[in-house]
N, C-alpha and C. Protein backbone atom coordinates (compact mmCIF):
# COMPACT_ATOMS: atom_id res chain seq x y z
N MET A 1 -33.05 -31.85 26.24
CA MET A 1 -31.80 -32.57 26.55
C MET A 1 -32.11 -34.01 26.94
N GLN A 2 -31.27 -34.94 26.47
CA GLN A 2 -31.47 -36.34 26.78
C GLN A 2 -31.05 -36.64 28.21
N ASN A 3 -31.86 -37.48 28.88
CA ASN A 3 -31.51 -37.91 30.23
C ASN A 3 -31.21 -39.41 30.26
N HIS A 4 -30.97 -39.98 29.10
CA HIS A 4 -30.69 -41.39 29.02
C HIS A 4 -29.28 -41.68 29.54
N LYS A 5 -29.05 -42.95 29.80
CA LYS A 5 -27.73 -43.37 30.28
C LYS A 5 -27.06 -44.26 29.24
N ILE A 6 -25.75 -44.21 29.25
CA ILE A 6 -24.98 -45.08 28.36
C ILE A 6 -24.92 -46.48 28.97
N SER A 7 -25.35 -47.47 28.20
CA SER A 7 -25.21 -48.87 28.60
C SER A 7 -23.94 -49.41 27.96
N PHE A 8 -23.04 -49.89 28.78
CA PHE A 8 -21.75 -50.35 28.27
C PHE A 8 -21.90 -51.59 27.40
N ILE A 9 -21.22 -51.59 26.26
CA ILE A 9 -21.15 -52.74 25.36
C ILE A 9 -19.69 -53.12 25.19
N LYS A 10 -19.36 -54.36 25.48
CA LYS A 10 -17.98 -54.82 25.36
C LYS A 10 -17.71 -55.34 23.95
N GLN A 11 -16.58 -54.94 23.40
CA GLN A 11 -16.21 -55.43 22.07
C GLN A 11 -15.83 -56.90 22.15
N HIS A 12 -16.13 -57.66 21.08
CA HIS A 12 -15.82 -59.08 21.06
C HIS A 12 -14.35 -59.32 20.76
N ASP A 13 -13.76 -58.44 19.96
CA ASP A 13 -12.33 -58.53 19.66
C ASP A 13 -11.80 -57.13 19.40
N SER A 14 -10.50 -57.03 19.17
CA SER A 14 -9.86 -55.72 19.06
C SER A 14 -10.27 -54.93 17.83
N MET A 15 -10.90 -55.58 16.86
CA MET A 15 -11.29 -54.90 15.63
C MET A 15 -12.68 -54.27 15.72
N GLN A 16 -13.40 -54.51 16.82
CA GLN A 16 -14.80 -54.09 16.90
C GLN A 16 -15.05 -52.89 17.79
N CYS A 17 -14.00 -52.17 18.18
CA CYS A 17 -14.21 -51.07 19.12
C CYS A 17 -15.12 -50.00 18.54
N GLY A 18 -14.91 -49.64 17.27
CA GLY A 18 -15.75 -48.61 16.65
C GLY A 18 -17.20 -49.04 16.53
N ILE A 19 -17.41 -50.31 16.19
CA ILE A 19 -18.77 -50.84 16.08
C ILE A 19 -19.45 -50.85 17.44
N ALA A 20 -18.73 -51.27 18.48
CA ALA A 20 -19.29 -51.29 19.84
C ALA A 20 -19.66 -49.88 20.29
N CYS A 21 -18.85 -48.89 19.93
CA CYS A 21 -19.17 -47.49 20.28
C CYS A 21 -20.47 -47.06 19.62
N LEU A 22 -20.64 -47.41 18.36
CA LEU A 22 -21.86 -47.04 17.65
C LEU A 22 -23.08 -47.73 18.25
N VAL A 23 -22.92 -48.98 18.66
CA VAL A 23 -24.02 -49.70 19.33
C VAL A 23 -24.41 -49.00 20.62
N MET A 24 -23.42 -48.56 21.41
CA MET A 24 -23.72 -47.87 22.67
C MET A 24 -24.52 -46.59 22.43
N ILE A 25 -24.16 -45.86 21.39
CA ILE A 25 -24.88 -44.61 21.12
C ILE A 25 -26.28 -44.89 20.59
N CYS A 26 -26.44 -45.91 19.76
CA CYS A 26 -27.78 -46.30 19.30
C CYS A 26 -28.67 -46.66 20.49
N ASN A 27 -28.13 -47.47 21.39
CA ASN A 27 -28.91 -47.90 22.56
C ASN A 27 -29.21 -46.73 23.50
N TYR A 28 -28.32 -45.75 23.54
CA TYR A 28 -28.55 -44.55 24.35
C TYR A 28 -29.81 -43.83 23.90
N TYR A 29 -30.07 -43.85 22.60
CA TYR A 29 -31.26 -43.19 22.05
C TYR A 29 -32.46 -44.14 21.96
N ARG A 30 -32.41 -45.20 22.77
CA ARG A 30 -33.54 -46.11 22.97
C ARG A 30 -33.91 -46.95 21.75
N HIS A 31 -32.95 -47.28 20.95
CA HIS A 31 -33.16 -48.25 19.87
C HIS A 31 -32.08 -49.32 20.01
N THR A 32 -32.51 -50.55 20.20
CA THR A 32 -31.59 -51.62 20.55
C THR A 32 -30.97 -52.28 19.32
N TYR A 33 -29.67 -52.26 19.30
CA TYR A 33 -28.90 -52.94 18.27
C TYR A 33 -27.83 -53.79 18.95
N THR A 34 -27.23 -54.67 18.19
CA THR A 34 -26.14 -55.49 18.69
C THR A 34 -24.91 -55.28 17.81
N ILE A 35 -23.77 -55.76 18.28
CA ILE A 35 -22.56 -55.70 17.46
C ILE A 35 -22.76 -56.46 16.16
N GLU A 36 -23.49 -57.59 16.23
CA GLU A 36 -23.74 -58.38 15.03
C GLU A 36 -24.57 -57.59 14.03
N ASN A 37 -25.60 -56.86 14.51
CA ASN A 37 -26.43 -56.03 13.62
C ASN A 37 -25.57 -55.02 12.88
N ILE A 38 -24.82 -54.24 13.65
CA ILE A 38 -24.07 -53.12 13.07
C ILE A 38 -22.92 -53.62 12.21
N SER A 39 -22.37 -54.79 12.52
CA SER A 39 -21.27 -55.33 11.71
C SER A 39 -21.70 -55.55 10.27
N ARG A 40 -23.00 -55.77 10.05
CA ARG A 40 -23.49 -56.00 8.69
C ARG A 40 -23.38 -54.75 7.82
N ILE A 41 -23.39 -53.59 8.44
CA ILE A 41 -23.40 -52.34 7.66
C ILE A 41 -22.19 -51.46 7.92
N CYS A 42 -21.28 -51.92 8.77
CA CYS A 42 -20.07 -51.15 9.07
C CYS A 42 -18.87 -51.97 8.61
N TYR A 43 -18.31 -51.59 7.48
CA TYR A 43 -17.24 -52.36 6.86
C TYR A 43 -15.97 -52.34 7.71
N ALA A 44 -15.48 -53.52 8.03
CA ALA A 44 -14.26 -53.64 8.84
C ALA A 44 -13.20 -54.40 8.06
N THR A 45 -11.95 -53.96 8.20
CA THR A 45 -10.82 -54.67 7.61
C THR A 45 -10.18 -55.52 8.70
N THR A 46 -9.08 -56.16 8.37
CA THR A 46 -8.38 -56.98 9.37
C THR A 46 -7.77 -56.13 10.48
N SER A 47 -7.68 -54.83 10.26
CA SER A 47 -7.14 -53.94 11.29
C SER A 47 -8.24 -53.15 12.00
N GLY A 48 -9.50 -53.48 11.73
CA GLY A 48 -10.60 -52.79 12.39
C GLY A 48 -11.39 -51.90 11.46
N VAL A 49 -12.12 -50.94 12.02
CA VAL A 49 -12.93 -50.02 11.22
C VAL A 49 -12.32 -48.63 11.27
N SER A 50 -12.56 -47.87 10.23
CA SER A 50 -12.08 -46.50 10.18
C SER A 50 -13.18 -45.56 10.65
N LEU A 51 -12.82 -44.32 10.94
CA LEU A 51 -13.81 -43.32 11.33
C LEU A 51 -14.80 -43.11 10.20
N LEU A 52 -14.33 -43.17 8.96
CA LEU A 52 -15.21 -43.00 7.81
C LEU A 52 -16.24 -44.12 7.73
N SER A 53 -15.83 -45.35 8.03
CA SER A 53 -16.76 -46.49 8.02
C SER A 53 -17.82 -46.34 9.11
N ILE A 54 -17.40 -45.88 10.29
CA ILE A 54 -18.36 -45.66 11.38
C ILE A 54 -19.35 -44.57 11.00
N GLN A 55 -18.85 -43.50 10.41
CA GLN A 55 -19.71 -42.39 10.01
C GLN A 55 -20.71 -42.83 8.95
N ASP A 56 -20.25 -43.63 7.98
CA ASP A 56 -21.13 -44.13 6.93
C ASP A 56 -22.23 -45.01 7.51
N ALA A 57 -21.85 -45.91 8.44
CA ALA A 57 -22.84 -46.78 9.08
C ALA A 57 -23.84 -45.97 9.91
N ALA A 58 -23.35 -44.96 10.63
CA ALA A 58 -24.23 -44.12 11.44
C ALA A 58 -25.26 -43.39 10.58
N GLN A 59 -24.84 -42.94 9.42
CA GLN A 59 -25.77 -42.25 8.52
C GLN A 59 -26.82 -43.21 7.97
N LYS A 60 -26.42 -44.45 7.69
CA LYS A 60 -27.38 -45.46 7.25
C LYS A 60 -28.42 -45.74 8.33
N LEU A 61 -27.99 -45.66 9.58
CA LEU A 61 -28.90 -45.91 10.70
C LEU A 61 -29.83 -44.73 10.98
N GLY A 62 -29.54 -43.58 10.39
CA GLY A 62 -30.40 -42.42 10.57
C GLY A 62 -29.83 -41.32 11.43
N PHE A 63 -28.52 -41.29 11.59
CA PHE A 63 -27.87 -40.21 12.34
C PHE A 63 -27.38 -39.12 11.39
N ARG A 64 -27.40 -37.91 11.87
CA ARG A 64 -26.66 -36.82 11.22
C ARG A 64 -25.30 -36.78 11.90
N THR A 65 -24.23 -36.81 11.13
CA THR A 65 -22.90 -36.92 11.73
C THR A 65 -21.99 -35.76 11.32
N LYS A 66 -21.02 -35.52 12.17
CA LYS A 66 -20.00 -34.52 11.88
C LYS A 66 -18.72 -34.93 12.59
N SER A 67 -17.63 -35.01 11.84
CA SER A 67 -16.33 -35.34 12.41
C SER A 67 -15.44 -34.11 12.37
N ALA A 68 -14.64 -33.92 13.41
CA ALA A 68 -13.81 -32.72 13.47
C ALA A 68 -12.61 -32.93 14.38
N LYS A 69 -11.59 -32.10 14.15
CA LYS A 69 -10.47 -31.97 15.08
C LYS A 69 -10.73 -30.73 15.91
N LEU A 70 -10.69 -30.86 17.21
CA LEU A 70 -10.99 -29.73 18.08
C LEU A 70 -10.25 -29.85 19.40
N SER A 71 -10.23 -28.77 20.14
CA SER A 71 -9.53 -28.72 21.43
C SER A 71 -10.42 -29.29 22.53
N ILE A 72 -9.83 -29.55 23.67
CA ILE A 72 -10.59 -30.05 24.82
C ILE A 72 -11.64 -29.02 25.24
N GLU A 73 -11.29 -27.75 25.19
CA GLU A 73 -12.23 -26.70 25.59
C GLU A 73 -13.45 -26.67 24.67
N HIS A 74 -13.23 -26.81 23.37
CA HIS A 74 -14.35 -26.84 22.43
C HIS A 74 -15.16 -28.12 22.58
N LEU A 75 -14.49 -29.21 22.89
CA LEU A 75 -15.18 -30.49 23.07
C LEU A 75 -16.18 -30.40 24.21
N ASP A 76 -15.85 -29.66 25.24
CA ASP A 76 -16.71 -29.52 26.42
C ASP A 76 -18.09 -28.98 26.06
N SER A 77 -18.16 -28.13 25.04
CA SER A 77 -19.43 -27.49 24.69
C SER A 77 -20.22 -28.24 23.61
N GLN A 78 -19.68 -29.36 23.13
CA GLN A 78 -20.33 -30.08 22.04
C GLN A 78 -21.33 -31.12 22.55
N HIS A 79 -22.17 -31.55 21.61
CA HIS A 79 -23.22 -32.54 21.91
C HIS A 79 -22.59 -33.89 22.28
N LYS A 80 -23.13 -34.50 23.30
CA LYS A 80 -22.65 -35.81 23.75
C LYS A 80 -23.85 -36.75 23.97
N PRO A 81 -23.64 -38.06 23.84
CA PRO A 81 -22.38 -38.78 23.68
C PRO A 81 -21.80 -38.64 22.28
N CYS A 82 -20.49 -38.77 22.20
CA CYS A 82 -19.81 -38.71 20.91
C CYS A 82 -18.72 -39.77 20.90
N ILE A 83 -18.20 -40.04 19.72
CA ILE A 83 -17.15 -41.05 19.56
C ILE A 83 -15.81 -40.35 19.40
N LEU A 84 -14.82 -40.81 20.16
CA LEU A 84 -13.48 -40.22 20.10
C LEU A 84 -12.48 -41.21 19.53
N HIS A 85 -11.53 -40.67 18.76
CA HIS A 85 -10.39 -41.49 18.32
C HIS A 85 -9.37 -41.45 19.46
N TRP A 86 -9.07 -42.62 20.01
CA TRP A 86 -8.38 -42.74 21.29
C TRP A 86 -7.03 -43.39 21.10
N ASN A 87 -5.98 -42.77 21.60
CA ASN A 87 -4.62 -43.32 21.47
C ASN A 87 -4.22 -43.55 20.01
N GLN A 88 -4.92 -42.92 19.11
CA GLN A 88 -4.67 -43.00 17.67
C GLN A 88 -4.84 -44.40 17.09
N ASN A 89 -5.43 -45.32 17.86
CA ASN A 89 -5.63 -46.68 17.33
C ASN A 89 -6.87 -47.36 17.91
N HIS A 90 -7.79 -46.58 18.46
CA HIS A 90 -8.91 -47.15 19.20
C HIS A 90 -10.06 -46.14 19.18
N PHE A 91 -11.28 -46.61 19.48
CA PHE A 91 -12.43 -45.71 19.58
C PHE A 91 -13.12 -45.90 20.93
N VAL A 92 -13.57 -44.80 21.52
CA VAL A 92 -14.30 -44.84 22.78
C VAL A 92 -15.47 -43.86 22.69
N VAL A 93 -16.38 -43.96 23.65
CA VAL A 93 -17.51 -43.03 23.73
C VAL A 93 -17.28 -42.07 24.90
N LEU A 94 -17.35 -40.79 24.61
CA LEU A 94 -17.35 -39.77 25.67
C LEU A 94 -18.80 -39.42 25.94
N TYR A 95 -19.28 -39.67 27.17
CA TYR A 95 -20.70 -39.41 27.43
C TYR A 95 -20.95 -38.29 28.44
N LYS A 96 -19.89 -37.81 29.11
CA LYS A 96 -20.10 -36.70 30.04
C LYS A 96 -18.78 -36.04 30.39
N ILE A 97 -18.83 -34.72 30.56
CA ILE A 97 -17.70 -33.97 31.11
C ILE A 97 -18.23 -33.18 32.30
N ARG A 98 -17.59 -33.34 33.43
CA ARG A 98 -18.07 -32.67 34.64
C ARG A 98 -17.15 -31.51 35.00
N ARG A 99 -17.71 -30.31 34.94
CA ARG A 99 -17.01 -29.08 35.32
C ARG A 99 -15.69 -28.89 34.57
N GLY A 100 -15.60 -29.47 33.39
CA GLY A 100 -14.40 -29.31 32.58
C GLY A 100 -13.18 -30.02 33.13
N LYS A 101 -13.37 -30.84 34.17
CA LYS A 101 -12.23 -31.47 34.84
C LYS A 101 -12.26 -32.99 34.83
N THR A 102 -13.46 -33.56 34.83
CA THR A 102 -13.59 -35.02 34.88
C THR A 102 -14.28 -35.49 33.61
N PHE A 103 -13.67 -36.46 32.95
CA PHE A 103 -14.16 -36.94 31.66
C PHE A 103 -14.62 -38.39 31.80
N TYR A 104 -15.85 -38.64 31.41
CA TYR A 104 -16.47 -39.96 31.56
C TYR A 104 -16.44 -40.69 30.21
N ILE A 105 -15.74 -41.80 30.20
CA ILE A 105 -15.50 -42.55 28.97
C ILE A 105 -16.08 -43.96 29.09
N ALA A 106 -16.73 -44.42 28.01
CA ALA A 106 -17.11 -45.83 27.90
C ALA A 106 -16.16 -46.45 26.88
N ASP A 107 -15.22 -47.21 27.38
CA ASP A 107 -14.21 -47.85 26.53
C ASP A 107 -14.64 -49.29 26.27
N PRO A 108 -14.97 -49.64 25.01
CA PRO A 108 -15.48 -51.00 24.74
C PRO A 108 -14.50 -52.11 25.07
N GLY A 109 -13.23 -51.76 25.28
CA GLY A 109 -12.25 -52.77 25.65
C GLY A 109 -12.02 -52.89 27.15
N LYS A 110 -12.47 -51.86 27.93
CA LYS A 110 -12.16 -51.84 29.36
C LYS A 110 -13.37 -51.61 30.26
N GLY A 111 -14.35 -50.87 29.80
CA GLY A 111 -15.49 -50.53 30.64
C GLY A 111 -15.64 -49.03 30.77
N LYS A 112 -16.42 -48.60 31.77
CA LYS A 112 -16.61 -47.17 32.03
C LYS A 112 -15.49 -46.67 32.93
N ILE A 113 -14.86 -45.59 32.49
CA ILE A 113 -13.69 -45.06 33.20
C ILE A 113 -13.80 -43.55 33.32
N ARG A 114 -13.36 -43.01 34.46
CA ARG A 114 -13.27 -41.56 34.64
C ARG A 114 -11.82 -41.13 34.52
N TYR A 115 -11.60 -40.03 33.81
CA TYR A 115 -10.25 -39.51 33.63
C TYR A 115 -10.17 -38.07 34.10
N THR A 116 -9.02 -37.71 34.63
CA THR A 116 -8.76 -36.29 34.89
C THR A 116 -8.48 -35.63 33.54
N LYS A 117 -8.44 -34.33 33.53
CA LYS A 117 -8.20 -33.61 32.28
C LYS A 117 -6.85 -33.97 31.69
N GLU A 118 -5.84 -34.08 32.52
CA GLU A 118 -4.50 -34.40 32.03
C GLU A 118 -4.43 -35.83 31.49
N GLU A 119 -5.07 -36.76 32.19
CA GLU A 119 -5.12 -38.14 31.70
C GLU A 119 -5.85 -38.21 30.36
N PHE A 120 -6.97 -37.51 30.29
CA PHE A 120 -7.75 -37.48 29.06
C PHE A 120 -6.93 -36.90 27.91
N ARG A 121 -6.22 -35.82 28.19
CA ARG A 121 -5.40 -35.17 27.16
C ARG A 121 -4.37 -36.14 26.59
N ARG A 122 -3.73 -36.93 27.45
CA ARG A 122 -2.69 -37.85 26.98
C ARG A 122 -3.25 -38.92 26.04
N HIS A 123 -4.47 -39.34 26.29
CA HIS A 123 -5.08 -40.38 25.46
C HIS A 123 -5.70 -39.84 24.17
N TRP A 124 -6.25 -38.62 24.24
CA TRP A 124 -7.06 -38.14 23.12
C TRP A 124 -6.33 -37.22 22.15
N ILE A 125 -5.51 -36.33 22.65
CA ILE A 125 -4.84 -35.35 21.79
C ILE A 125 -3.93 -36.07 20.79
N SER A 126 -4.08 -35.72 19.52
CA SER A 126 -3.30 -36.39 18.48
C SER A 126 -2.50 -35.44 17.60
N THR A 127 -2.78 -34.14 17.69
CA THR A 127 -2.08 -33.19 16.83
C THR A 127 -2.06 -31.81 17.46
N THR A 128 -1.20 -30.96 16.95
CA THR A 128 -1.15 -29.56 17.38
C THR A 128 -1.28 -28.68 16.14
N SER A 129 -2.28 -27.81 16.15
CA SER A 129 -2.53 -26.92 15.01
C SER A 129 -2.53 -25.48 15.49
N GLN A 130 -1.61 -24.69 14.94
CA GLN A 130 -1.48 -23.28 15.30
C GLN A 130 -1.32 -23.11 16.82
N GLY A 131 -0.51 -23.99 17.39
CA GLY A 131 -0.23 -23.92 18.81
C GLY A 131 -1.32 -24.46 19.71
N GLU A 132 -2.39 -25.04 19.12
CA GLU A 132 -3.51 -25.55 19.92
C GLU A 132 -3.59 -27.06 19.79
N GLU A 133 -3.62 -27.76 20.93
CA GLU A 133 -3.72 -29.22 20.92
C GLU A 133 -5.13 -29.65 20.56
N LYS A 134 -5.21 -30.67 19.66
CA LYS A 134 -6.52 -31.11 19.21
C LYS A 134 -6.59 -32.63 19.10
N GLY A 135 -7.81 -33.14 19.21
CA GLY A 135 -8.08 -34.55 19.01
C GLY A 135 -9.23 -34.70 18.04
N VAL A 136 -9.50 -35.94 17.64
CA VAL A 136 -10.54 -36.22 16.65
C VAL A 136 -11.79 -36.75 17.35
N ALA A 137 -12.94 -36.20 16.97
CA ALA A 137 -14.22 -36.63 17.53
C ALA A 137 -15.26 -36.71 16.43
N MET A 138 -16.23 -37.59 16.62
CA MET A 138 -17.38 -37.67 15.71
C MET A 138 -18.65 -37.47 16.53
N PHE A 139 -19.46 -36.51 16.10
CA PHE A 139 -20.70 -36.18 16.79
C PHE A 139 -21.88 -36.74 16.02
N LEU A 140 -22.85 -37.28 16.75
CA LEU A 140 -24.00 -37.93 16.13
C LEU A 140 -25.29 -37.35 16.69
N GLU A 141 -26.21 -37.04 15.79
CA GLU A 141 -27.51 -36.53 16.20
C GLU A 141 -28.59 -37.31 15.46
N PRO A 142 -29.52 -37.95 16.18
CA PRO A 142 -30.55 -38.75 15.50
C PRO A 142 -31.51 -37.89 14.69
N THR A 143 -31.88 -38.37 13.53
CA THR A 143 -32.88 -37.72 12.68
C THR A 143 -34.18 -38.53 12.78
N PRO A 144 -35.27 -38.06 12.16
CA PRO A 144 -36.51 -38.85 12.17
C PRO A 144 -36.37 -40.23 11.54
N GLU A 145 -35.32 -40.43 10.73
CA GLU A 145 -35.10 -41.73 10.10
C GLU A 145 -34.49 -42.74 11.07
N PHE A 146 -33.94 -42.26 12.16
CA PHE A 146 -33.27 -43.16 13.09
C PHE A 146 -34.26 -44.12 13.72
N GLY A 147 -33.89 -45.39 13.78
CA GLY A 147 -34.73 -46.41 14.40
C GLY A 147 -35.53 -47.23 13.42
N ARG A 148 -35.53 -46.83 12.15
CA ARG A 148 -36.29 -47.58 11.15
C ARG A 148 -35.56 -48.84 10.70
N LEU A 149 -34.29 -48.88 10.95
CA LEU A 149 -33.47 -50.02 10.56
C LEU A 149 -33.14 -50.84 11.80
N GLU A 150 -33.96 -51.85 12.07
CA GLU A 150 -33.77 -52.64 13.28
C GLU A 150 -33.90 -54.13 12.99
N GLY A 151 -33.48 -54.94 13.95
CA GLY A 151 -33.67 -56.38 13.91
C GLY A 151 -33.12 -57.03 12.66
N GLU A 152 -33.95 -57.88 12.04
CA GLU A 152 -33.52 -58.64 10.89
C GLU A 152 -33.18 -57.74 9.72
N GLU A 153 -33.90 -56.61 9.60
CA GLU A 153 -33.63 -55.69 8.51
C GLU A 153 -32.21 -55.16 8.61
N ALA A 154 -31.78 -54.85 9.83
CA ALA A 154 -30.42 -54.35 10.02
C ALA A 154 -29.39 -55.40 9.65
N GLU A 155 -29.75 -56.68 9.82
CA GLU A 155 -28.80 -57.74 9.51
C GLU A 155 -28.67 -57.96 8.02
N GLY A 156 -29.76 -57.73 7.27
CA GLY A 156 -29.73 -58.06 5.86
C GLY A 156 -29.37 -56.92 4.93
N ILE A 157 -29.67 -55.69 5.31
CA ILE A 157 -29.50 -54.57 4.39
C ILE A 157 -28.02 -54.31 4.12
N HIS A 158 -27.76 -53.93 2.92
CA HIS A 158 -26.40 -53.62 2.46
C HIS A 158 -25.46 -54.83 2.49
N SER A 159 -26.01 -56.04 2.52
CA SER A 159 -25.15 -57.22 2.58
C SER A 159 -24.32 -57.36 1.31
N PHE A 160 -24.93 -56.97 0.18
CA PHE A 160 -24.18 -57.04 -1.08
C PHE A 160 -22.99 -56.09 -1.05
N ARG A 161 -23.22 -54.89 -0.52
CA ARG A 161 -22.14 -53.91 -0.41
C ARG A 161 -21.05 -54.42 0.53
N PHE A 162 -21.46 -55.06 1.61
CA PHE A 162 -20.49 -55.64 2.55
C PHE A 162 -19.63 -56.69 1.85
N LEU A 163 -20.30 -57.53 1.02
CA LEU A 163 -19.58 -58.57 0.29
C LEU A 163 -18.58 -57.95 -0.68
N LEU A 164 -19.00 -56.89 -1.37
CA LEU A 164 -18.10 -56.20 -2.28
C LEU A 164 -16.89 -55.64 -1.54
N GLY A 165 -17.14 -55.09 -0.35
CA GLY A 165 -16.04 -54.56 0.45
C GLY A 165 -15.06 -55.65 0.83
N TYR A 166 -15.59 -56.83 1.18
CA TYR A 166 -14.73 -57.95 1.55
C TYR A 166 -13.90 -58.41 0.36
N VAL A 167 -14.55 -58.52 -0.81
CA VAL A 167 -13.84 -58.92 -2.03
C VAL A 167 -12.76 -57.91 -2.37
N ASN A 168 -13.09 -56.62 -2.21
CA ASN A 168 -12.12 -55.57 -2.52
C ASN A 168 -10.90 -55.64 -1.60
N GLN A 169 -11.14 -55.99 -0.33
CA GLN A 169 -10.04 -56.09 0.63
C GLN A 169 -9.03 -57.17 0.24
N TYR A 170 -9.56 -58.30 -0.29
CA TYR A 170 -8.70 -59.43 -0.64
C TYR A 170 -8.64 -59.64 -2.16
N ARG A 171 -8.79 -58.55 -2.92
CA ARG A 171 -8.89 -58.67 -4.37
C ARG A 171 -7.66 -59.34 -4.99
N ARG A 172 -6.46 -59.10 -4.41
CA ARG A 172 -5.24 -59.70 -4.96
C ARG A 172 -5.32 -61.22 -4.94
N TYR A 173 -5.87 -61.77 -3.85
CA TYR A 173 -5.99 -63.22 -3.75
C TYR A 173 -7.08 -63.75 -4.67
N PHE A 174 -8.17 -63.00 -4.79
CA PHE A 174 -9.24 -63.42 -5.69
C PHE A 174 -8.77 -63.42 -7.14
N VAL A 175 -7.93 -62.43 -7.50
CA VAL A 175 -7.39 -62.38 -8.86
C VAL A 175 -6.50 -63.59 -9.11
N GLN A 176 -5.66 -63.94 -8.13
CA GLN A 176 -4.78 -65.11 -8.27
C GLN A 176 -5.59 -66.39 -8.42
N ILE A 177 -6.66 -66.51 -7.63
CA ILE A 177 -7.52 -67.69 -7.72
C ILE A 177 -8.19 -67.75 -9.09
N ALA A 178 -8.69 -66.59 -9.56
CA ALA A 178 -9.37 -66.54 -10.86
C ALA A 178 -8.41 -66.91 -11.99
N LEU A 179 -7.17 -66.41 -11.92
CA LEU A 179 -6.18 -66.75 -12.95
C LEU A 179 -5.84 -68.24 -12.91
N GLY A 180 -5.73 -68.79 -11.70
CA GLY A 180 -5.46 -70.21 -11.57
C GLY A 180 -6.57 -71.06 -12.17
N LEU A 181 -7.82 -70.67 -11.90
CA LEU A 181 -8.96 -71.39 -12.46
C LEU A 181 -8.98 -71.28 -13.98
N LEU A 182 -8.63 -70.09 -14.49
CA LEU A 182 -8.62 -69.88 -15.94
C LEU A 182 -7.57 -70.75 -16.61
N VAL A 183 -6.35 -70.77 -16.04
CA VAL A 183 -5.28 -71.61 -16.59
C VAL A 183 -5.66 -73.08 -16.53
N GLY A 184 -6.25 -73.50 -15.39
CA GLY A 184 -6.67 -74.89 -15.26
C GLY A 184 -7.73 -75.27 -16.28
N SER A 185 -8.68 -74.36 -16.52
CA SER A 185 -9.73 -74.62 -17.51
C SER A 185 -9.15 -74.73 -18.91
N LEU A 186 -8.19 -73.85 -19.23
CA LEU A 186 -7.56 -73.89 -20.55
C LEU A 186 -6.80 -75.20 -20.76
N LEU A 187 -6.10 -75.64 -19.71
CA LEU A 187 -5.37 -76.91 -19.81
C LEU A 187 -6.33 -78.08 -20.01
N GLN A 188 -7.45 -78.06 -19.30
CA GLN A 188 -8.45 -79.12 -19.47
C GLN A 188 -9.02 -79.11 -20.88
N LEU A 189 -9.15 -77.91 -21.44
CA LEU A 189 -9.70 -77.78 -22.79
C LEU A 189 -8.70 -78.25 -23.85
N ILE A 190 -7.42 -77.92 -23.64
CA ILE A 190 -6.39 -78.21 -24.64
C ILE A 190 -5.90 -79.65 -24.56
N LEU A 191 -5.86 -80.23 -23.35
CA LEU A 191 -5.24 -81.54 -23.13
C LEU A 191 -5.81 -82.65 -24.04
N PRO A 192 -7.14 -82.77 -24.20
CA PRO A 192 -7.65 -83.84 -25.09
C PRO A 192 -7.16 -83.70 -26.53
N PHE A 193 -7.12 -82.44 -27.03
CA PHE A 193 -6.65 -82.22 -28.40
C PHE A 193 -5.16 -82.53 -28.52
N LEU A 194 -4.39 -82.15 -27.50
CA LEU A 194 -2.96 -82.42 -27.51
C LEU A 194 -2.69 -83.92 -27.47
N THR A 195 -3.44 -84.62 -26.63
CA THR A 195 -3.29 -86.07 -26.52
C THR A 195 -3.62 -86.75 -27.84
N GLN A 196 -4.73 -86.32 -28.46
CA GLN A 196 -5.14 -86.90 -29.73
C GLN A 196 -4.10 -86.65 -30.82
N ALA A 197 -3.53 -85.42 -30.80
CA ALA A 197 -2.51 -85.09 -31.80
C ALA A 197 -1.28 -85.97 -31.65
N ILE A 198 -0.88 -86.24 -30.41
CA ILE A 198 0.29 -87.09 -30.16
C ILE A 198 0.02 -88.52 -30.63
N VAL A 199 -1.20 -89.02 -30.32
CA VAL A 199 -1.57 -90.38 -30.74
C VAL A 199 -1.58 -90.48 -32.27
N ASP A 200 -2.19 -89.48 -32.92
CA ASP A 200 -2.25 -89.49 -34.39
C ASP A 200 -0.85 -89.46 -34.99
N LEU A 201 0.03 -88.65 -34.39
CA LEU A 201 1.40 -88.54 -34.89
C LEU A 201 2.14 -89.86 -34.70
N GLY A 202 1.91 -90.51 -33.56
CA GLY A 202 2.56 -91.80 -33.31
C GLY A 202 2.10 -92.87 -34.26
N ILE A 203 0.79 -92.88 -34.56
CA ILE A 203 0.25 -93.87 -35.49
C ILE A 203 0.80 -93.63 -36.89
N LYS A 204 0.86 -92.34 -37.26
CA LYS A 204 1.34 -91.99 -38.60
C LYS A 204 2.76 -92.47 -38.81
N HIS A 205 3.58 -92.31 -37.77
CA HIS A 205 5.00 -92.69 -37.88
C HIS A 205 5.27 -94.06 -37.29
N GLN A 206 4.20 -94.75 -36.91
CA GLN A 206 4.31 -96.08 -36.32
C GLN A 206 5.33 -96.11 -35.17
N ASP A 207 5.18 -95.09 -34.31
CA ASP A 207 6.11 -94.92 -33.17
C ASP A 207 5.34 -95.20 -31.88
N ILE A 208 5.40 -96.45 -31.41
CA ILE A 208 4.66 -96.85 -30.22
C ILE A 208 5.15 -96.13 -28.97
N LYS A 209 6.46 -95.80 -28.93
CA LYS A 209 7.00 -95.10 -27.77
C LYS A 209 6.42 -93.69 -27.64
N LEU A 210 6.20 -93.04 -28.78
CA LEU A 210 5.59 -91.71 -28.76
C LEU A 210 4.17 -91.79 -28.24
N ILE A 211 3.44 -92.82 -28.66
CA ILE A 211 2.06 -93.00 -28.21
C ILE A 211 2.01 -93.25 -26.71
N LEU A 212 2.93 -94.09 -26.21
CA LEU A 212 2.93 -94.44 -24.79
C LEU A 212 3.62 -93.39 -23.93
N GLY A 213 4.25 -92.40 -24.57
CA GLY A 213 4.92 -91.35 -23.81
C GLY A 213 6.23 -91.78 -23.21
N THR A 214 6.88 -92.78 -23.80
CA THR A 214 8.14 -93.29 -23.24
C THR A 214 9.32 -93.03 -24.17
N ARG A 215 9.10 -92.21 -25.17
CA ARG A 215 10.15 -91.98 -26.17
C ARG A 215 11.36 -91.33 -25.52
N TYR A 216 11.13 -90.45 -24.54
CA TYR A 216 12.24 -89.73 -23.93
C TYR A 216 12.55 -90.29 -22.56
C-alpha cells in the first residue's frame, strides 16, 4: 500500500482542472510533472478536457486506467487516489475516505477539502441506476512504463497529435481561411489575363475609355 501524500496542484484556469488532477496523481507516485508537461499530451477544448482525454493521457504516461459509474459504498473499497467527475462540470482527486463518513478531496480550484458523506453525495452523484445513486470515477494504477515520460520528453511527445486536435477543433475556420486563400490565388492568377484581354479589346476597337476603365 502506498504511504505517499497528495501534493496540491492549483489549476491555472477553469479549463485545466482535469490536467491538474492528473498531475497530482503523477506526483503522488513520485514522478514530477507540471500542468505544462501534461497539457502537451492531454487534449483540451475551449470548455476544458473530457474524462476520455484524461484517460488517454494517463495511459500515455504509463497508467492502467478504468472509468466507471458506481455507488459511494463501492467507491469506498476502490483504489485511491482517483479522479472524480464533480458537479458534472469539474474534476477533483479523492485521496482518502475515513470510516466511510469523511471524504478527503483535492480540488484544483479550491484546495484540500473534507466533506461529510451527505456533502460529498451532493457534489458527486450524477445519476440513479436501478434505484442506486452513482457517480463517475476514474481509477489509475501505475505500470512499469510509468515514469519513462518525463521532462522535455513529456513536453515534446505527441505534439503533432496535439496540433491535429487543435486544427480539428477549429476546422470550420481553417476551411474558411483555406477557401479564401484559394479564391484570392485564383483572382491573382486570372487578373493579368483579364486585364490584357480588356486592353487588347480596347485597342482593337480603338476605345480608349474601355482601356482606361471609364467607359461606364
